[in-house]
Amino acid sequence: MEILGIDIGGSGIKGAPVDIETGVLIKPRFRIATPNPAKPRAVADVVGEVVRNFDWHGPVGCGFPAVIQDGVAMTAANIHPNWVNKKASTLFADATGCLVNVINDADAAGIAEMTFGAGKGHKGTVLIVTVGTGIGTALFTDGHLLPNTEFGHLKIRGKDAEQRASDYVRKLEKMTWKKWSAAFDEYLCTMEQLFWPDLIILGGGVAKYSDDFIPRLTVHTRVVPAQFLNEAGIVGAALAAQKLVSQ
């Protein structure tokens, strides 16, 4: 079975049809820059473009950078504040003419990694950290997801963690890998002291540079790069949308 997965990020909106039995992208992903400002109608229009690019008429899963409850965006940290209290699933359904399921973007990435990737079959507590425009998190215990954790907003010395150690900050401040690694390591050590995970999986844009910074980390928990790298959100969004098939 194939479901179209879409990953909505602070810098880009990308999607591809996914074989949900294997987690493999059926076609190369298609990406469009996130509108600026990323207001609801503008983002919905781009989601519609992604769907039309594949001439898609089936179910769609979207990973979205916010706390999502029953399809409603409850927060808007890295997207326009007009999204708060918007029924994202309905807005995207109207823009695409498809049934659409929406979940938190980091939760989507986590589902992909736990189903087919670096966390497959792993028992105990697994923390997925996605590092891009912001920092997203997904927390699993024995394969069960605790949704909408949003630990990227954990305060580190009085400042949101993602304002210290996101990939956006690394690029903005032109940080060396050594300097950025120290900031990111402080965040991971704080998370370790709070949750004592058995495994940490790193995804998002920085995952492809894991050799540049993972060896510098001092956190005791084993840290591995996400196997799906920056495609985890697409795959996980599609997997989470399987519920639409029975509707």
C-alpha atoms as a PDB file:
ATOM      1  CA  MET A   1       0.000   0.000   0.000  1.00  0.00           C
ATOM      2  CA  GLU A   2       1.173   3.508  -0.804  1.00  0.00           C
ATOM      3  CA  ILE A   3       0.450   6.703   1.140  1.00  0.00           C
ATOM      4  CA  LEU A   4       1.769  10.158   0.318  1.00  0.00           C
ATOM      5  CA  GLY A   5       3.919  11.513   3.148  1.00  0.00           C
ATOM      6  CA  ILE A   6       4.607  15.240   3.508  1.00  0.00           C
ATOM      7  CA  ASP A   7       7.079  16.848   5.889  1.00  0.00           C
ATOM      8  CA  ILE A   8       6.384  20.523   6.615  1.00  0.00           C
ATOM      9  CA  GLY A   9       9.477  22.278   7.932  1.00  0.00           C
ATOM     10  CA  GLY A  10      10.580  25.782   8.683  1.00  0.00           C
ATOM     11  CA  SER A  11      12.577  26.032   5.449  1.00  0.00           C
ATOM     12  CA  GLY A  12      11.013  23.473   3.113  1.00  0.00           C
ATOM     13  CA  ILE A  13       7.895  21.399   2.446  1.00  0.00           C
ATOM     14  CA  LYS A  14       8.740  18.051   0.905  1.00  0.00           C
ATOM     15  CA  GLY A  15       6.847  14.893   0.100  1.00  0.00           C
ATOM     16  CA  ALA A  16       6.825  11.562  -1.697  1.00  0.00           C
ATOM     17  CA  PRO A  17       4.642   8.468  -1.987  1.00  0.00           C
ATOM     18  CA  VAL A  18       5.753   5.841   0.528  1.00  0.00           C
ATOM     19  CA  ASP A  19       5.409   2.053   0.484  1.00  0.00           C
ATOM     20  CA  ILE A  20       4.171   1.637   4.055  1.00  0.00           C
ATOM     21  CA  GLU A  21       5.098  -2.062   4.074  1.00  0.00           C
ATOM     22  CA  THR A  22       8.804  -1.267   3.624  1.00  0.00           C
ATOM     23  CA  GLY A  23       9.229   2.454   4.351  1.00  0.00           C
ATOM     24  CA  VAL A  24      10.708   2.996   0.874  1.00  0.00           C
ATOM     25  CA  LEU A  25       9.955   6.139  -1.128  1.00  0.00           C
ATOM     26  CA  ILE A  26       8.221   5.095  -4.345  1.00  0.00           C
ATOM     27  CA  LYS A  27       9.294   8.241  -6.199  1.00  0.00           C
ATOM     28  CA  PRO A  28      11.978  10.861  -5.559  1.00  0.00           C
ATOM     29  CA  ARG A  29      10.875  13.429  -3.012  1.00  0.00           C
ATOM     30  CA  PHE A  30       9.559  16.755  -4.261  1.00  0.00           C
ATOM     31  CA  ARG A  31      10.431  19.906  -2.304  1.00  0.00           C
ATOM     32  CA  ILE A  32       9.162  23.484  -2.319  1.00  0.00           C
ATOM     33  CA  ALA A  33      10.485  26.248  -0.072  1.00  0.00           C
ATOM     34  CA  THR A  34       8.246  27.063   2.874  1.00  0.00           C
ATOM     35  CA  PRO A  35       6.393  30.341   2.236  1.00  0.00           C
ATOM     36  CA  ASN A  36       7.558  33.394   4.140  1.00  0.00           C
ATOM     37  CA  PRO A  37       5.501  34.300   6.056  1.00  0.00           C
ATOM     38  CA  ALA A  38       4.263  30.732   6.612  1.00  0.00           C
ATOM     39  CA  LYS A  39       0.619  31.605   7.144  1.00  0.00           C
ATOM     40  CA  PRO A  40      -2.020  28.854   7.024  1.00  0.00           C
ATOM     41  CA  ARG A  41      -3.408  29.501   3.545  1.00  0.00           C
ATOM     42  CA  ALA A  42       0.058  29.926   1.988  1.00  0.00           C
ATOM     43  CA  VAL A  43       1.329  26.673   3.511  1.00  0.00           C
ATOM     44  CA  ALA A  44      -1.856  24.830   2.513  1.00  0.00           C
ATOM     45  CA  ASP A  45      -1.407  26.016  -1.075  1.00  0.00           C
ATOM     46  CA  VAL A  46       2.114  24.568  -1.160  1.00  0.00           C
ATOM     47  CA  VAL A  47       0.879  21.277   0.302  1.00  0.00           C
ATOM     48  CA  GLY A  48      -1.635  21.257  -2.537  1.00  0.00           C
ATOM     49  CA  GLU A  49       1.196  21.766  -5.044  1.00  0.00           C
ATOM     50  CA  VAL A  50       3.109  18.810  -3.602  1.00  0.00           C
ATOM     51  CA  VAL A  51       0.045  16.586  -3.877  1.00  0.00           C
ATOM     52  CA  ARG A  52      -0.674  17.680  -7.450  1.00  0.00           C
ATOM     53  CA  ASN A  53       2.961  17.098  -8.433  1.00  0.00           C
ATOM     54  CA  PHE A  54       2.362  13.376  -7.864  1.00  0.00           C
ATOM     55  CA  ASP A  55      -1.180  13.465  -9.312  1.00  0.00           C
ATOM     56  CA  TRP A  56      -2.179  12.002  -5.977  1.00  0.00           C
ATOM     57  CA  HIS A  57      -5.757  11.205  -4.962  1.00  0.00           C
ATOM     58  CA  GLY A  58      -5.286   8.848  -2.019  1.00  0.00           C
ATOM     59  CA  PRO A  59      -4.635   9.361   1.705  1.00  0.00           C
ATOM     60  CA  VAL A  60      -2.006  11.885   2.804  1.00  0.00           C
ATOM     61  CA  GLY A  61       0.011  12.066   6.009  1.00  0.00           C
ATOM     62  CA  CYS A  62       1.570  15.378   7.101  1.00  0.00           C
ATOM     63  CA  GLY A  63       4.229  16.012   9.712  1.00  0.00           C
ATOM     64  CA  PHE A  64       3.806  19.541  11.071  1.00  0.00           C
ATOM     65  CA  PRO A  65       6.105  21.653  13.321  1.00  0.00           C
ATOM     66  CA  ALA A  66       3.666  22.107  16.202  1.00  0.00           C
ATOM     67  CA  VAL A  67       1.850  20.291  18.963  1.00  0.00           C
ATOM     68  CA  ILE A  68      -1.041  18.579  17.176  1.00  0.00           C
ATOM     69  CA  GLN A  69      -4.205  17.457  18.965  1.00  0.00           C
ATOM     70  CA  ASP A  70      -7.012  15.958  16.890  1.00  0.00           C
ATOM     71  CA  GLY A  71      -5.631  17.657  13.789  1.00  0.00           C
ATOM     72  CA  VAL A  72      -5.461  21.079  15.464  1.00  0.00           C
ATOM     73  CA  ALA A  73      -2.192  23.039  15.772  1.00  0.00           C
ATOM     74  CA  MET A  74      -1.864  24.073  19.406  1.00  0.00           C
ATOM     75  CA  THR A  75       1.510  25.848  19.103  1.00  0.00           C
ATOM     76  CA  ALA A  76       3.517  27.655  16.403  1.00  0.00           C
ATOM     77  CA  ALA A  77       7.167  27.881  17.421  1.00  0.00           C
ATOM     78  CA  ASN A  78       8.738  27.708  13.940  1.00  0.00           C
ATOM     79  CA  ILE A  79       5.748  28.641  11.835  1.00  0.00           C
ATOM     80  CA  HIS A  80       3.437  31.663  11.666  1.00  0.00           C
ATOM     81  CA  PRO A  81       1.471  32.319  14.903  1.00  0.00           C
ATOM     82  CA  ASN A  82      -1.783  32.361  12.922  1.00  0.00           C
ATOM     83  CA  TRP A  83      -1.581  28.566  12.972  1.00  0.00           C
ATOM     84  CA  VAL A  84      -2.510  28.344  16.649  1.00  0.00           C
ATOM     85  CA  ASN A  85      -5.947  26.708  17.033  1.00  0.00           C
ATOM     86  CA  LYS A  86      -6.226  26.095  13.278  1.00  0.00           C
ATOM     87  CA  LYS A  87      -7.587  22.704  12.203  1.00  0.00           C
ATOM     88  CA  ALA A  88      -4.622  21.834  10.014  1.00  0.00           C
ATOM     89  CA  SER A  89      -6.060  18.522   8.835  1.00  0.00           C
ATOM     90  CA  THR A  90      -9.198  20.217   7.482  1.00  0.00           C
ATOM     91  CA  LEU A  91      -7.235  23.044   5.863  1.00  0.00           C
ATOM     92  CA  PHE A  92      -4.945  20.597   4.053  1.00  0.00           C
ATOM     93  CA  ALA A  93      -7.864  18.371   3.046  1.00  0.00           C
ATOM     94  CA  ASP A  94      -9.589  21.361   1.460  1.00  0.00           C
ATOM     95  CA  ALA A  95      -6.391  22.320  -0.387  1.00  0.00           C
ATOM     96  CA  THR A  96      -5.725  18.813  -1.709  1.00  0.00           C
ATOM     97  CA  GLY A  97      -9.105  17.141  -2.048  1.00  0.00           C
ATOM     98  CA  CYS A  98      -7.650  14.201  -0.104  1.00  0.00           C
ATOM     99  CA  LEU A  99      -8.105  12.694   3.328  1.00  0.00           C
ATOM    100  CA  VAL A 100      -5.256  14.104   5.439  1.00  0.00           C
ATOM    101  CA  ASN A 101      -3.845  13.054   8.809  1.00  0.00           C
ATOM    102  CA  VAL A 102      -1.570  15.543  10.624  1.00  0.00           C
ATOM    103  CA  ILE A 103       0.874  14.776  13.444  1.00  0.00           C
ATOM    104  CA  ASN A 104       3.848  16.500  15.044  1.00  0.00           C
ATOM    105  CA  ASP A 105       6.822  16.420  12.663  1.00  0.00           C
ATOM    106  CA  ALA A 106       9.317  14.969  15.149  1.00  0.00           C
ATOM    107  CA  ASP A 107       6.798  12.293  16.141  1.00  0.00           C
ATOM    108  CA  ALA A 108       6.552  11.395  12.449  1.00  0.00           C
ATOM    109  CA  ALA A 109      10.341  11.071  12.189  1.00  0.00           C
ATOM    110  CA  GLY A 110      10.358   8.942  15.323  1.00  0.00           C
ATOM    111  CA  ILE A 111       7.701   6.585  13.962  1.00  0.00           C
ATOM    112  CA  ALA A 112       9.792   5.998  10.842  1.00  0.00           C
ATOM    113  CA  GLU A 113      12.957   5.274  12.805  1.00  0.00           C
ATOM    114  CA  MET A 114      11.219   2.986  15.297  1.00  0.00           C
ATOM    115  CA  THR A 115       9.397   1.062  12.554  1.00  0.00           C
ATOM    116  CA  PHE A 116      12.093   0.642   9.908  1.00  0.00           C
ATOM    117  CA  GLY A 117      15.176   2.570  11.015  1.00  0.00           C
ATOM    118  CA  ALA A 118      17.741   2.875  13.782  1.00  0.00           C
ATOM    119  CA  GLY A 119      15.218   2.145  16.552  1.00  0.00           C
ATOM    120  CA  LYS A 120      13.593  -0.922  14.992  1.00  0.00           C
ATOM    121  CA  GLY A 121      13.067  -3.622  17.606  1.00  0.00           C
ATOM    122  CA  HIS A 122      14.706  -1.535  20.331  1.00  0.00           C
ATOM    123  CA  LYS A 123      13.226  -1.956  23.792  1.00  0.00           C
ATOM    124  CA  GLY A 124      13.467   0.504  26.651  1.00  0.00           C
ATOM    125  CA  THR A 125      13.441   4.283  26.243  1.00  0.00           C
ATOM    126  CA  VAL A 126      14.450   5.761  22.902  1.00  0.00           C
ATOM    127  CA  LEU A 127      14.779   9.505  22.316  1.00  0.00           C
ATOM    128  CA  ILE A 128      14.677  10.817  18.758  1.00  0.00           C
ATOM    129  CA  VAL A 129      16.058  14.339  18.300  1.00  0.00           C
ATOM    130  CA  THR A 130      15.555  16.115  14.966  1.00  0.00           C
ATOM    131  CA  VAL A 131      17.817  19.102  14.394  1.00  0.00           C
ATOM    132  CA  GLY A 132      16.944  21.615  11.692  1.00  0.00           C
ATOM    133  CA  THR A 133      15.294  25.031  11.849  1.00  0.00           C
ATOM    134  CA  GLY A 134      14.444  24.088  15.431  1.00  0.00           C
ATOM    135  CA  ILE A 135      14.920  21.032  17.634  1.00  0.00           C
ATOM    136  CA  GLY A 136      12.171  18.432  17.641  1.00  0.00           C
ATOM    137  CA  THR A 137      11.869  15.401  19.891  1.00  0.00           C
ATOM    138  CA  ALA A 138       9.986  12.123  20.026  1.00  0.00           C
ATOM    139  CA  LEU A 139      10.083   9.820  23.052  1.00  0.00           C
ATOM    140  CA  PHE A 140       9.316   6.093  22.899  1.00  0.00           C
ATOM    141  CA  THR A 141       9.169   3.472  25.638  1.00  0.00           C
ATOM    142  CA  ASP A 142       9.126  -0.144  24.456  1.00  0.00           C
ATOM    143  CA  GLY A 143       7.980   1.135  21.078  1.00  0.00           C
ATOM    144  CA  HIS A 144       5.125   3.270  22.428  1.00  0.00           C
ATOM    145  CA  LEU A 145       5.121   6.971  21.561  1.00  0.00           C
ATOM    146  CA  LEU A 146       4.518   9.769  24.048  1.00  0.00           C
ATOM    147  CA  PRO A 147       3.254  12.379  21.543  1.00  0.00           C
ATOM    148  CA  ASN A 148       3.984  16.093  21.340  1.00  0.00           C
ATOM    149  CA  THR A 149       6.923  16.212  23.757  1.00  0.00           C
ATOM    150  CA  GLU A 150       8.472  19.406  22.320  1.00  0.00           C
ATOM    151  CA  PHE A 151      11.661  19.167  24.405  1.00  0.00           C
ATOM    152  CA  GLY A 152      13.430  21.497  21.988  1.00  0.00           C
ATOM    153  CA  HIS A 153      11.949  24.275  24.133  1.00  0.00           C
ATOM    154  CA  LEU A 154      13.560  22.986  27.300  1.00  0.00           C
ATOM    155  CA  LYS A 155      15.383  25.861  28.985  1.00  0.00           C
ATOM    156  CA  ILE A 156      19.166  25.609  29.056  1.00  0.00           C
ATOM    157  CA  ARG A 157      20.604  28.357  31.264  1.00  0.00           C
ATOM    158  CA  GLY A 158      17.437  30.407  30.714  1.00  0.00           C
ATOM    159  CA  LYS A 159      17.222  30.011  26.932  1.00  0.00           C
ATOM    160  CA  ASP A 160      15.336  27.575  24.706  1.00  0.00           C
ATOM    161  CA  ALA A 161      17.591  24.683  23.688  1.00  0.00           C
ATOM    162  CA  GLU A 162      16.802  25.210  20.007  1.00  0.00           C
ATOM    163  CA  GLN A 163      17.991  28.815  20.295  1.00  0.00           C
ATOM    164  CA  ARG A 164      21.377  27.441  21.368  1.00  0.00           C
ATOM    165  CA  ALA A 165      21.825  24.282  19.344  1.00  0.00           C
ATOM    166  CA  SER A 166      19.584  24.087  16.276  1.00  0.00           C
ATOM    167  CA  ASP A 167      21.100  23.765  12.810  1.00  0.00           C
ATOM    168  CA  TYR A 168      19.655  27.191  12.027  1.00  0.00           C
ATOM    169  CA  VAL A 169      21.663  28.716  14.886  1.00  0.00           C
ATOM    170  CA  ARG A 170      24.798  26.828  13.802  1.00  0.00           C
ATOM    171  CA  LYS A 171      24.572  28.329  10.331  1.00  0.00           C
ATOM    172  CA  LEU A 172      23.458  31.784  11.481  1.00  0.00           C
ATOM    173  CA  GLU A 173      26.340  32.143  13.921  1.00  0.00           C
ATOM    174  CA  LYS A 174      28.791  30.342  11.605  1.00  0.00           C
ATOM    175  CA  MET A 175      29.708  27.956  14.401  1.00  0.00           C
ATOM    176  CA  THR A 176      32.430  25.380  13.888  1.00  0.00           C
ATOM    177  CA  TRP A 177      31.422  21.767  14.487  1.00  0.00           C
ATOM    178  CA  LYS A 178      33.509  21.846  17.656  1.00  0.00           C
ATOM    179  CA  LYS A 179      31.631  24.837  19.063  1.00  0.00           C
ATOM    180  CA  TRP A 180      28.211  23.628  17.977  1.00  0.00           C
ATOM    181  CA  SER A 181      28.879  20.138  19.304  1.00  0.00           C
ATOM    182  CA  ALA A 182      29.552  21.562  22.768  1.00  0.00           C
ATOM    183  CA  ALA A 183      26.211  23.379  22.780  1.00  0.00           C
ATOM    184  CA  PHE A 184      24.346  20.349  21.486  1.00  0.00           C
ATOM    185  CA  ASP A 185      26.145  18.069  23.943  1.00  0.00           C
ATOM    186  CA  GLU A 186      24.966  20.256  26.834  1.00  0.00           C
ATOM    187  CA  TYR A 187      21.401  19.797  25.623  1.00  0.00           C
ATOM    188  CA  LEU A 188      21.731  16.014  25.285  1.00  0.00           C
ATOM    189  CA  CYS A 189      23.316  15.704  28.719  1.00  0.00           C
ATOM    190  CA  THR A 190      20.391  17.633  30.194  1.00  0.00           C
ATOM    191  CA  MET A 191      17.935  15.302  28.453  1.00  0.00           C
ATOM    192  CA  GLU A 192      19.891  12.303  29.719  1.00  0.00           C
ATOM    193  CA  GLN A 193      19.657  13.508  33.303  1.00  0.00           C
ATOM    194  CA  LEU A 194      15.892  13.899  32.968  1.00  0.00           C
ATOM    195  CA  PHE A 195      14.913  10.740  31.057  1.00  0.00           C
ATOM    196  CA  TRP A 196      17.882   8.328  31.052  1.00  0.00           C
ATOM    197  CA  PRO A 197      17.211   7.002  27.546  1.00  0.00           C
ATOM    198  CA  ASP A 198      18.766   3.749  26.382  1.00  0.00           C
ATOM    199  CA  LEU A 199      19.345   5.136  22.885  1.00  0.00           C
ATOM    200  CA  ILE A 200      19.375   8.568  21.234  1.00  0.00           C
ATOM    201  CA  ILE A 201      18.698   8.791  17.484  1.00  0.00           C
ATOM    202  CA  LEU A 202      19.637  12.014  15.708  1.00  0.00           C
ATOM    203  CA  GLY A 203      17.698  13.112  12.632  1.00  0.00           C
ATOM    204  CA  GLY A 204      16.991  16.266  10.673  1.00  0.00           C
ATOM    205  CA  GLY A 205      19.362  18.239   8.504  1.00  0.00           C
ATOM    206  CA  VAL A 206      22.469  17.633  10.641  1.00  0.00           C
ATOM    207  CA  ALA A 207      22.176  13.833  10.551  1.00  0.00           C
ATOM    208  CA  LYS A 208      24.204  13.598   7.334  1.00  0.00           C
ATOM    209  CA  TYR A 209      27.110  15.314   9.148  1.00  0.00           C
ATOM    210  CA  SER A 210      27.074  12.901  12.094  1.00  0.00           C
ATOM    211  CA  ASP A 211      30.737  11.988  11.665  1.00  0.00           C
ATOM    212  CA  ASP A 212      31.636  15.626  12.289  1.00  0.00           C
ATOM    213  CA  PHE A 213      30.008  15.883  15.701  1.00  0.00           C
ATOM    214  CA  ILE A 214      28.910  12.561  17.254  1.00  0.00           C
ATOM    215  CA  PRO A 215      32.530  11.626  18.182  1.00  0.00           C
ATOM    216  CA  ARG A 216      32.755  14.941  20.091  1.00  0.00           C
ATOM    217  CA  LEU A 217      29.749  14.230  22.325  1.00  0.00           C
ATOM    218  CA  THR A 218      30.276  13.275  25.981  1.00  0.00           C
ATOM    219  CA  VAL A 219      26.709  12.150  26.742  1.00  0.00           C
ATOM    220  CA  HIS A 220      26.792   8.600  28.133  1.00  0.00           C
ATOM    221  CA  THR A 221      23.796   7.311  26.184  1.00  0.00           C
ATOM    222  CA  ARG A 222      24.611   5.698  22.849  1.00  0.00           C
ATOM    223  CA  VAL A 223      23.980   8.193  20.045  1.00  0.00           C
ATOM    224  CA  VAL A 224      23.387   7.092  16.443  1.00  0.00           C
ATOM    225  CA  PRO A 225      22.308   8.910  13.273  1.00  0.00           C
ATOM    226  CA  ALA A 226      18.826   8.320  11.911  1.00  0.00           C
ATOM    227  CA  GLN A 227      18.842   5.780   9.094  1.00  0.00           C
ATOM    228  CA  PHE A 228      16.279   7.759   7.125  1.00  0.00           C
ATOM    229  CA  LEU A 229      18.270  10.969   7.607  1.00  0.00           C
ATOM    230  CA  ASN A 230      16.118  13.871   6.405  1.00  0.00           C
ATOM    231  CA  GLU A 231      13.429  11.619   4.871  1.00  0.00           C
ATOM    232  CA  ALA A 232      12.215  10.249   8.211  1.00  0.00           C
ATOM    233  CA  GLY A 233       9.426  12.831   8.481  1.00  0.00           C
ATOM    234  CA  ILE A 234       7.991  11.861   5.092  1.00  0.00           C
ATOM    235  CA  VAL A 235       8.035   8.145   5.880  1.00  0.00           C
ATOM    236  CA  GLY A 236       6.660   8.528   9.399  1.00  0.00           C
ATOM    237  CA  ALA A 237       3.859  10.864   8.299  1.00  0.00           C
ATOM    238  CA  ALA A 238       2.772   8.254   5.759  1.00  0.00           C
ATOM    239  CA  LEU A 239       2.893   5.466   8.339  1.00  0.00           C
ATOM    240  CA  ALA A 240       0.811   7.503  10.796  1.00  0.00           C
ATOM    241  CA  ALA A 241      -1.837   8.077   8.115  1.00  0.00           C
ATOM    242  CA  GLN A 242      -2.669   4.382   7.791  1.00  0.00           C
ATOM    243  CA  LYS A 243      -5.703   5.021  10.004  1.00  0.00           C
ATOM    244  CA  LEU A 244      -7.279   6.917   7.085  1.00  0.00           C
ATOM    245  CA  VAL A 245      -7.410   3.767   4.967  1.00  0.00           C
ATOM    246  CA  SER A 246     -10.105   2.176   7.152  1.00  0.00           C
ATOM    247  CA  GLN A 247     -12.270   5.307   7.245  1.00  0.00           C
END
